[in-house]
Amino acid sequence: MSINAARFIPYEMKTSILKIFSYEQKQITGILINPFFPHAMYFDNIIQFLFLIDEMLDSLNWPQESMECRLFASGDTEFTPSDQYSQEELNSIRPIAAFKINVLFRQNASWQGSVIWLDSSVESPFRSVLELIMLLDSVLSKHE
């Protein structure tokens, strides 16, 4: 998932669509869609979702990280999205909720930005990844 860093990235491509297919016992599955990438990216849990967004932001080189994350062990940390479903199948699944996510900053080993719950057009800023997860949970827990 590598994009040339010198390329201009239009504003619309800095915003991603998150479609959630299921949320059972706080286990999330869904897809992440960004106009810059040719396919929707499927994830099975919140950790995969977070790695997927982080790698996407690295590929876009937007926003740039303000610090390098610490690791206990060196090695390949790249997440490869699952090919469990075809693109046609992913597009045909009706999501239980959809969100528009815009990460504005990556500071203090976290993200800051805004999330819009598309079903109700409610927007909320988030100051950390944990706050983003709690905002998503506040909507998705109604579907459990």
N, C-alpha and C. Protein backbone atom coordinates (compact mmCIF):
# COMPACT_ATOMS: atom_id res chain seq x y z
N MET A 1 0.84 -1.17 0.00
CA MET A 1 0.00 0.00 0.00
C MET A 1 0.89 1.24 0.00
N SER A 2 1.69 1.41 -1.03
CA SER A 2 2.65 2.50 -1.05
C SER A 2 2.27 3.53 -2.11
N ILE A 3 2.27 4.77 -1.71
CA ILE A 3 1.96 5.89 -2.60
C ILE A 3 3.17 6.80 -2.62
N ASN A 4 3.48 7.34 -3.79
CA ASN A 4 4.59 8.26 -3.92
C ASN A 4 4.36 9.49 -3.04
N ALA A 5 5.28 9.76 -2.11
CA ALA A 5 5.12 10.85 -1.14
C ALA A 5 5.10 12.22 -1.80
N ALA A 6 5.71 12.37 -2.97
CA ALA A 6 5.76 13.67 -3.62
C ALA A 6 4.47 14.01 -4.36
N ARG A 7 3.57 13.06 -4.48
CA ARG A 7 2.32 13.28 -5.19
C ARG A 7 1.37 14.17 -4.42
N PHE A 8 0.62 14.98 -5.15
CA PHE A 8 -0.41 15.82 -4.54
C PHE A 8 -1.59 14.95 -4.16
N ILE A 9 -2.12 15.15 -2.97
CA ILE A 9 -3.26 14.36 -2.50
C ILE A 9 -4.43 15.30 -2.31
N PRO A 10 -5.48 15.17 -3.11
CA PRO A 10 -6.66 16.04 -2.96
C PRO A 10 -7.30 15.87 -1.59
N TYR A 11 -7.96 16.91 -1.11
CA TYR A 11 -8.57 16.92 0.21
C TYR A 11 -9.54 15.76 0.39
N GLU A 12 -10.35 15.46 -0.64
CA GLU A 12 -11.35 14.39 -0.54
C GLU A 12 -10.71 13.05 -0.21
N MET A 13 -9.48 12.86 -0.64
CA MET A 13 -8.82 11.58 -0.42
C MET A 13 -8.20 11.47 0.96
N LYS A 14 -8.25 12.55 1.73
CA LYS A 14 -7.75 12.52 3.10
C LYS A 14 -8.84 12.08 4.07
N THR A 15 -10.02 11.83 3.53
CA THR A 15 -11.16 11.38 4.33
C THR A 15 -11.52 9.97 3.90
N SER A 16 -11.73 9.09 4.87
CA SER A 16 -12.06 7.70 4.58
C SER A 16 -13.46 7.37 5.08
N ILE A 17 -14.08 6.42 4.42
CA ILE A 17 -15.40 5.93 4.82
C ILE A 17 -15.21 4.58 5.52
N LEU A 18 -15.82 4.46 6.68
CA LEU A 18 -15.78 3.24 7.46
C LEU A 18 -17.19 2.65 7.47
N LYS A 19 -17.33 1.42 6.95
CA LYS A 19 -18.62 0.73 6.97
C LYS A 19 -18.49 -0.48 7.89
N ILE A 20 -19.36 -0.53 8.89
CA ILE A 20 -19.34 -1.61 9.88
C ILE A 20 -20.41 -2.63 9.51
N PHE A 21 -19.99 -3.90 9.38
CA PHE A 21 -20.92 -4.98 9.03
C PHE A 21 -21.46 -5.69 10.26
N SER A 22 -20.64 -5.85 11.28
CA SER A 22 -21.14 -6.49 12.50
C SER A 22 -20.38 -5.95 13.70
N TYR A 23 -21.06 -6.04 14.85
CA TYR A 23 -20.48 -5.60 16.13
C TYR A 23 -21.11 -6.44 17.22
N GLU A 24 -20.52 -7.60 17.45
CA GLU A 24 -21.03 -8.55 18.44
C GLU A 24 -20.00 -8.73 19.54
N GLN A 25 -20.42 -8.51 20.77
CA GLN A 25 -19.54 -8.58 21.93
C GLN A 25 -18.30 -7.70 21.72
N LYS A 26 -18.53 -6.53 21.16
CA LYS A 26 -17.50 -5.52 20.90
C LYS A 26 -16.47 -5.96 19.86
N GLN A 27 -16.78 -6.99 19.08
CA GLN A 27 -15.92 -7.43 17.98
C GLN A 27 -16.43 -6.79 16.70
N ILE A 28 -15.59 -6.00 16.07
CA ILE A 28 -15.98 -5.20 14.92
C ILE A 28 -15.48 -5.84 13.62
N THR A 29 -16.32 -5.86 12.59
CA THR A 29 -15.89 -6.24 11.25
C THR A 29 -16.45 -5.21 10.28
N GLY A 30 -15.71 -4.95 9.22
CA GLY A 30 -16.17 -3.97 8.26
C GLY A 30 -15.15 -3.72 7.18
N ILE A 31 -15.34 -2.60 6.50
CA ILE A 31 -14.41 -2.21 5.44
C ILE A 31 -14.05 -0.74 5.59
N LEU A 32 -12.88 -0.42 5.08
CA LEU A 32 -12.40 0.95 5.03
C LEU A 32 -12.26 1.31 3.56
N ILE A 33 -12.84 2.43 3.18
CA ILE A 33 -12.82 2.87 1.78
C ILE A 33 -12.16 4.24 1.71
N ASN A 34 -11.19 4.37 0.80
CA ASN A 34 -10.56 5.66 0.55
C ASN A 34 -10.43 5.81 -0.95
N PRO A 35 -10.81 6.97 -1.51
CA PRO A 35 -10.77 7.16 -2.96
C PRO A 35 -9.39 6.98 -3.57
N PHE A 36 -8.34 7.10 -2.77
CA PHE A 36 -6.98 6.98 -3.29
C PHE A 36 -6.60 5.54 -3.59
N PHE A 37 -7.31 4.60 -2.99
CA PHE A 37 -6.99 3.18 -3.13
C PHE A 37 -8.06 2.49 -3.96
N PRO A 38 -7.66 1.54 -4.82
CA PRO A 38 -8.61 0.96 -5.77
C PRO A 38 -9.67 0.06 -5.16
N HIS A 39 -9.43 -0.50 -3.97
CA HIS A 39 -10.36 -1.47 -3.40
C HIS A 39 -10.69 -1.12 -1.95
N ALA A 40 -11.87 -1.57 -1.54
CA ALA A 40 -12.23 -1.49 -0.13
C ALA A 40 -11.35 -2.48 0.63
N MET A 41 -10.96 -2.10 1.86
CA MET A 41 -10.07 -2.93 2.66
C MET A 41 -10.85 -3.52 3.84
N TYR A 42 -10.93 -4.84 3.89
CA TYR A 42 -11.70 -5.56 4.90
C TYR A 42 -10.87 -5.75 6.17
N PHE A 43 -11.52 -5.67 7.33
CA PHE A 43 -10.86 -5.97 8.60
C PHE A 43 -11.80 -6.78 9.49
N ASP A 44 -11.21 -7.59 10.37
CA ASP A 44 -11.95 -8.50 11.25
C ASP A 44 -12.05 -8.05 12.69
N ASN A 45 -11.25 -7.07 13.08
CA ASN A 45 -11.25 -6.63 14.48
C ASN A 45 -10.69 -5.23 14.58
N ILE A 46 -10.74 -4.67 15.77
CA ILE A 46 -10.34 -3.28 15.96
C ILE A 46 -8.84 -3.08 15.75
N ILE A 47 -8.04 -4.07 16.11
CA ILE A 47 -6.59 -3.95 15.91
C ILE A 47 -6.26 -3.88 14.42
N GLN A 48 -6.88 -4.75 13.61
CA GLN A 48 -6.67 -4.70 12.17
C GLN A 48 -7.12 -3.36 11.60
N PHE A 49 -8.25 -2.86 12.08
CA PHE A 49 -8.76 -1.56 11.64
C PHE A 49 -7.74 -0.45 11.93
N LEU A 50 -7.17 -0.44 13.13
CA LEU A 50 -6.22 0.60 13.50
C LEU A 50 -4.94 0.51 12.67
N PHE A 51 -4.43 -0.72 12.47
CA PHE A 51 -3.24 -0.89 11.63
C PHE A 51 -3.53 -0.47 10.19
N LEU A 52 -4.71 -0.79 9.71
CA LEU A 52 -5.10 -0.45 8.34
C LEU A 52 -5.10 1.07 8.14
N ILE A 53 -5.71 1.79 9.06
CA ILE A 53 -5.73 3.25 8.95
C ILE A 53 -4.32 3.81 9.06
N ASP A 54 -3.53 3.30 10.00
CA ASP A 54 -2.18 3.82 10.18
C ASP A 54 -1.33 3.61 8.93
N GLU A 55 -1.43 2.44 8.32
CA GLU A 55 -0.67 2.18 7.09
C GLU A 55 -1.18 3.02 5.93
N MET A 56 -2.49 3.24 5.88
CA MET A 56 -3.05 4.09 4.85
C MET A 56 -2.52 5.52 5.00
N LEU A 57 -2.49 6.03 6.23
CA LEU A 57 -1.96 7.37 6.48
C LEU A 57 -0.48 7.45 6.13
N ASP A 58 0.28 6.40 6.44
CA ASP A 58 1.69 6.36 6.06
C ASP A 58 1.84 6.40 4.54
N SER A 59 1.00 5.65 3.83
CA SER A 59 1.07 5.61 2.37
C SER A 59 0.76 6.97 1.75
N LEU A 60 -0.23 7.64 2.32
CA LEU A 60 -0.59 8.97 1.82
C LEU A 60 0.41 10.03 2.28
N ASN A 61 1.17 9.69 3.31
CA ASN A 61 2.08 10.64 3.95
C ASN A 61 1.31 11.86 4.45
N TRP A 62 0.10 11.59 4.93
CA TRP A 62 -0.76 12.64 5.46
C TRP A 62 -1.64 12.09 6.56
N PRO A 63 -1.78 12.70 7.67
CA PRO A 63 -0.81 13.66 8.19
C PRO A 63 0.48 12.94 8.60
N GLN A 64 1.57 13.67 8.56
CA GLN A 64 2.84 13.06 8.91
C GLN A 64 2.90 12.78 10.40
N GLU A 65 3.58 11.69 10.75
CA GLU A 65 3.74 11.34 12.15
C GLU A 65 4.68 12.33 12.82
N SER A 66 4.39 12.68 14.07
CA SER A 66 5.26 13.59 14.80
C SER A 66 6.33 12.83 15.58
N MET A 67 6.16 11.51 15.69
CA MET A 67 7.14 10.69 16.39
C MET A 67 7.06 9.25 15.89
N GLU A 68 8.14 8.53 16.09
CA GLU A 68 8.17 7.12 15.70
C GLU A 68 7.73 6.27 16.89
N CYS A 69 6.86 5.31 16.63
CA CYS A 69 6.35 4.45 17.70
C CYS A 69 7.43 3.49 18.18
N ARG A 70 7.39 3.19 19.46
CA ARG A 70 8.32 2.22 20.04
C ARG A 70 7.78 0.81 19.82
N LEU A 71 8.71 -0.13 19.67
CA LEU A 71 8.35 -1.53 19.49
C LEU A 71 9.18 -2.40 20.43
N PHE A 72 8.60 -3.46 20.96
CA PHE A 72 9.36 -4.41 21.77
C PHE A 72 10.33 -5.21 20.92
N ALA A 73 9.91 -5.56 19.72
CA ALA A 73 10.75 -6.35 18.82
C ALA A 73 10.67 -5.76 17.43
N SER A 74 11.79 -5.77 16.73
CA SER A 74 11.77 -5.27 15.36
C SER A 74 11.23 -6.37 14.45
N GLY A 75 10.75 -5.96 13.32
CA GLY A 75 10.19 -6.92 12.38
C GLY A 75 9.11 -6.27 11.55
N ASP A 76 8.47 -7.08 10.74
CA ASP A 76 7.44 -6.58 9.84
C ASP A 76 6.15 -6.34 10.62
N THR A 77 5.71 -5.09 10.68
CA THR A 77 4.46 -4.76 11.37
C THR A 77 3.35 -4.43 10.38
N GLU A 78 3.64 -4.60 9.08
CA GLU A 78 2.65 -4.24 8.07
C GLU A 78 1.47 -5.22 8.10
N PHE A 79 0.28 -4.66 8.04
CA PHE A 79 -0.95 -5.46 8.03
C PHE A 79 -1.42 -5.63 6.60
N THR A 80 -1.70 -6.86 6.20
CA THR A 80 -2.24 -7.14 4.88
C THR A 80 -3.72 -7.42 5.02
N PRO A 81 -4.57 -6.60 4.38
CA PRO A 81 -6.01 -6.81 4.50
C PRO A 81 -6.42 -8.20 4.00
N SER A 82 -7.43 -8.74 4.62
CA SER A 82 -7.94 -10.06 4.27
C SER A 82 -8.62 -10.04 2.91
N ASP A 83 -8.43 -11.12 2.15
CA ASP A 83 -9.13 -11.28 0.88
C ASP A 83 -10.29 -12.25 1.06
N GLN A 84 -10.88 -12.26 2.23
CA GLN A 84 -11.95 -13.20 2.57
C GLN A 84 -13.16 -13.03 1.65
N TYR A 85 -13.41 -11.81 1.22
CA TYR A 85 -14.57 -11.53 0.37
C TYR A 85 -14.11 -10.82 -0.90
N SER A 86 -14.85 -11.05 -1.99
CA SER A 86 -14.56 -10.32 -3.22
C SER A 86 -15.07 -8.89 -3.08
N GLN A 87 -14.62 -8.01 -3.94
CA GLN A 87 -15.08 -6.62 -3.90
C GLN A 87 -16.59 -6.52 -4.13
N GLU A 88 -17.12 -7.40 -4.99
CA GLU A 88 -18.57 -7.40 -5.24
C GLU A 88 -19.34 -7.78 -3.98
N GLU A 89 -18.83 -8.79 -3.26
CA GLU A 89 -19.48 -9.20 -2.01
C GLU A 89 -19.43 -8.09 -0.97
N LEU A 90 -18.28 -7.44 -0.86
CA LEU A 90 -18.14 -6.35 0.11
C LEU A 90 -19.10 -5.21 -0.19
N ASN A 91 -19.27 -4.91 -1.46
CA ASN A 91 -20.17 -3.81 -1.84
C ASN A 91 -21.64 -4.18 -1.67
N SER A 92 -21.94 -5.48 -1.65
CA SER A 92 -23.35 -5.89 -1.53
C SER A 92 -23.82 -6.05 -0.08
N ILE A 93 -22.88 -6.13 0.87
CA ILE A 93 -23.26 -6.28 2.28
C ILE A 93 -23.77 -4.94 2.81
N ARG A 94 -24.93 -4.99 3.46
CA ARG A 94 -25.52 -3.77 4.01
C ARG A 94 -24.90 -3.49 5.37
N PRO A 95 -24.25 -2.33 5.54
CA PRO A 95 -23.62 -2.03 6.83
C PRO A 95 -24.65 -1.68 7.91
N ILE A 96 -24.29 -1.95 9.17
CA ILE A 96 -25.16 -1.55 10.28
C ILE A 96 -24.93 -0.09 10.65
N ALA A 97 -23.76 0.44 10.27
CA ALA A 97 -23.45 1.85 10.50
C ALA A 97 -22.32 2.26 9.56
N ALA A 98 -22.27 3.55 9.25
CA ALA A 98 -21.21 4.07 8.40
C ALA A 98 -20.71 5.39 8.98
N PHE A 99 -19.41 5.61 8.84
CA PHE A 99 -18.77 6.79 9.40
C PHE A 99 -17.81 7.38 8.37
N LYS A 100 -17.61 8.67 8.45
CA LYS A 100 -16.58 9.36 7.67
C LYS A 100 -15.52 9.79 8.67
N ILE A 101 -14.29 9.35 8.44
CA ILE A 101 -13.20 9.63 9.37
C ILE A 101 -12.16 10.51 8.69
N ASN A 102 -11.78 11.57 9.39
CA ASN A 102 -10.76 12.49 8.89
C ASN A 102 -9.72 12.66 9.99
N VAL A 103 -8.54 12.08 9.79
CA VAL A 103 -7.45 12.24 10.75
C VAL A 103 -6.67 13.48 10.35
N LEU A 104 -6.65 14.46 11.24
CA LEU A 104 -5.99 15.74 10.95
C LEU A 104 -4.55 15.78 11.43
N PHE A 105 -4.27 15.11 12.56
CA PHE A 105 -2.94 15.13 13.15
C PHE A 105 -2.59 13.75 13.67
N ARG A 106 -1.29 13.45 13.67
CA ARG A 106 -0.78 12.24 14.32
C ARG A 106 0.32 12.71 15.28
N GLN A 107 -0.11 13.03 16.49
CA GLN A 107 0.81 13.54 17.50
C GLN A 107 0.71 12.72 18.77
N ASN A 108 1.80 12.70 19.54
CA ASN A 108 1.84 12.00 20.82
C ASN A 108 1.43 10.53 20.69
N ALA A 109 1.88 9.89 19.62
CA ALA A 109 1.61 8.48 19.35
C ALA A 109 0.11 8.18 19.29
N SER A 110 -0.67 9.13 18.81
CA SER A 110 -2.11 8.93 18.65
C SER A 110 -2.60 9.77 17.47
N TRP A 111 -3.90 9.76 17.26
CA TRP A 111 -4.50 10.53 16.17
C TRP A 111 -5.48 11.54 16.73
N GLN A 112 -5.62 12.64 16.02
CA GLN A 112 -6.63 13.63 16.34
C GLN A 112 -7.35 13.97 15.04
N GLY A 113 -8.67 14.15 15.12
CA GLY A 113 -9.43 14.45 13.91
C GLY A 113 -10.90 14.55 14.20
N SER A 114 -11.70 14.17 13.21
CA SER A 114 -13.15 14.21 13.38
C SER A 114 -13.77 12.97 12.75
N VAL A 115 -14.92 12.60 13.29
CA VAL A 115 -15.67 11.46 12.77
C VAL A 115 -17.12 11.91 12.61
N ILE A 116 -17.72 11.54 11.49
CA ILE A 116 -19.13 11.84 11.23
C ILE A 116 -19.88 10.52 11.14
N TRP A 117 -20.92 10.39 11.94
CA TRP A 117 -21.83 9.24 11.85
C TRP A 117 -22.77 9.56 10.70
N LEU A 118 -22.60 8.88 9.58
CA LEU A 118 -23.31 9.24 8.35
C LEU A 118 -24.82 9.02 8.42
N ASP A 119 -25.28 8.07 9.23
CA ASP A 119 -26.71 7.80 9.32
C ASP A 119 -27.48 8.95 9.94
N SER A 120 -26.82 9.73 10.80
CA SER A 120 -27.52 10.84 11.46
C SER A 120 -26.84 12.19 11.23
N SER A 121 -25.76 12.20 10.46
CA SER A 121 -25.01 13.43 10.15
C SER A 121 -24.50 14.13 11.41
N VAL A 122 -24.21 13.36 12.45
CA VAL A 122 -23.65 13.92 13.68
C VAL A 122 -22.13 13.85 13.58
N GLU A 123 -21.46 14.97 13.86
CA GLU A 123 -20.00 15.03 13.80
C GLU A 123 -19.44 15.26 15.19
N SER A 124 -18.31 14.62 15.46
CA SER A 124 -17.64 14.81 16.74
C SER A 124 -16.13 14.77 16.53
N PRO A 125 -15.42 15.68 17.18
CA PRO A 125 -13.96 15.59 17.14
C PRO A 125 -13.47 14.49 18.07
N PHE A 126 -12.28 13.96 17.79
CA PHE A 126 -11.64 13.02 18.72
C PHE A 126 -10.20 13.46 18.92
N ARG A 127 -9.71 13.26 20.14
CA ARG A 127 -8.37 13.70 20.51
C ARG A 127 -7.39 12.56 20.65
N SER A 128 -7.88 11.33 20.51
CA SER A 128 -7.01 10.16 20.61
C SER A 128 -7.69 8.98 19.93
N VAL A 129 -6.93 7.94 19.69
CA VAL A 129 -7.49 6.72 19.11
C VAL A 129 -8.52 6.12 20.06
N LEU A 130 -8.23 6.16 21.36
CA LEU A 130 -9.18 5.63 22.34
C LEU A 130 -10.51 6.38 22.27
N GLU A 131 -10.45 7.70 22.14
CA GLU A 131 -11.69 8.47 22.05
C GLU A 131 -12.44 8.13 20.76
N LEU A 132 -11.73 7.92 19.65
CA LEU A 132 -12.37 7.50 18.41
C LEU A 132 -13.09 6.16 18.61
N ILE A 133 -12.43 5.21 19.25
CA ILE A 133 -13.05 3.90 19.50
C ILE A 133 -14.29 4.05 20.37
N MET A 134 -14.23 4.91 21.38
CA MET A 134 -15.38 5.10 22.26
C MET A 134 -16.54 5.77 21.51
N LEU A 135 -16.24 6.68 20.60
CA LEU A 135 -17.30 7.30 19.79
C LEU A 135 -17.96 6.25 18.90
N LEU A 136 -17.15 5.39 18.26
CA LEU A 136 -17.71 4.33 17.43
C LEU A 136 -18.56 3.39 18.28
N ASP A 137 -18.06 3.03 19.45
CA ASP A 137 -18.79 2.12 20.34
C ASP A 137 -20.12 2.72 20.79
N SER A 138 -20.17 4.02 21.00
CA SER A 138 -21.42 4.64 21.46
C SER A 138 -22.54 4.47 20.44
N VAL A 139 -22.19 4.36 19.18
CA VAL A 139 -23.18 4.11 18.12
C VAL A 139 -23.40 2.61 17.95
N LEU A 140 -22.31 1.85 17.86
CA LEU A 140 -22.40 0.43 17.53
C LEU A 140 -22.99 -0.42 18.64
N SER A 141 -22.84 -0.02 19.88
CA SER A 141 -23.37 -0.82 20.99
C SER A 141 -24.90 -0.90 20.93
N LYS A 142 -25.53 0.01 20.22
CA LYS A 142 -26.99 -0.04 20.04
C LYS A 142 -27.39 -1.16 19.08
N HIS A 143 -26.42 -1.67 18.31
CA HIS A 143 -26.70 -2.73 17.33
C HIS A 143 -26.34 -4.11 17.85
N GLU A 144 -25.82 -4.19 19.08
CA GLU A 144 -25.43 -5.50 19.63
C GLU A 144 -26.64 -6.34 19.94
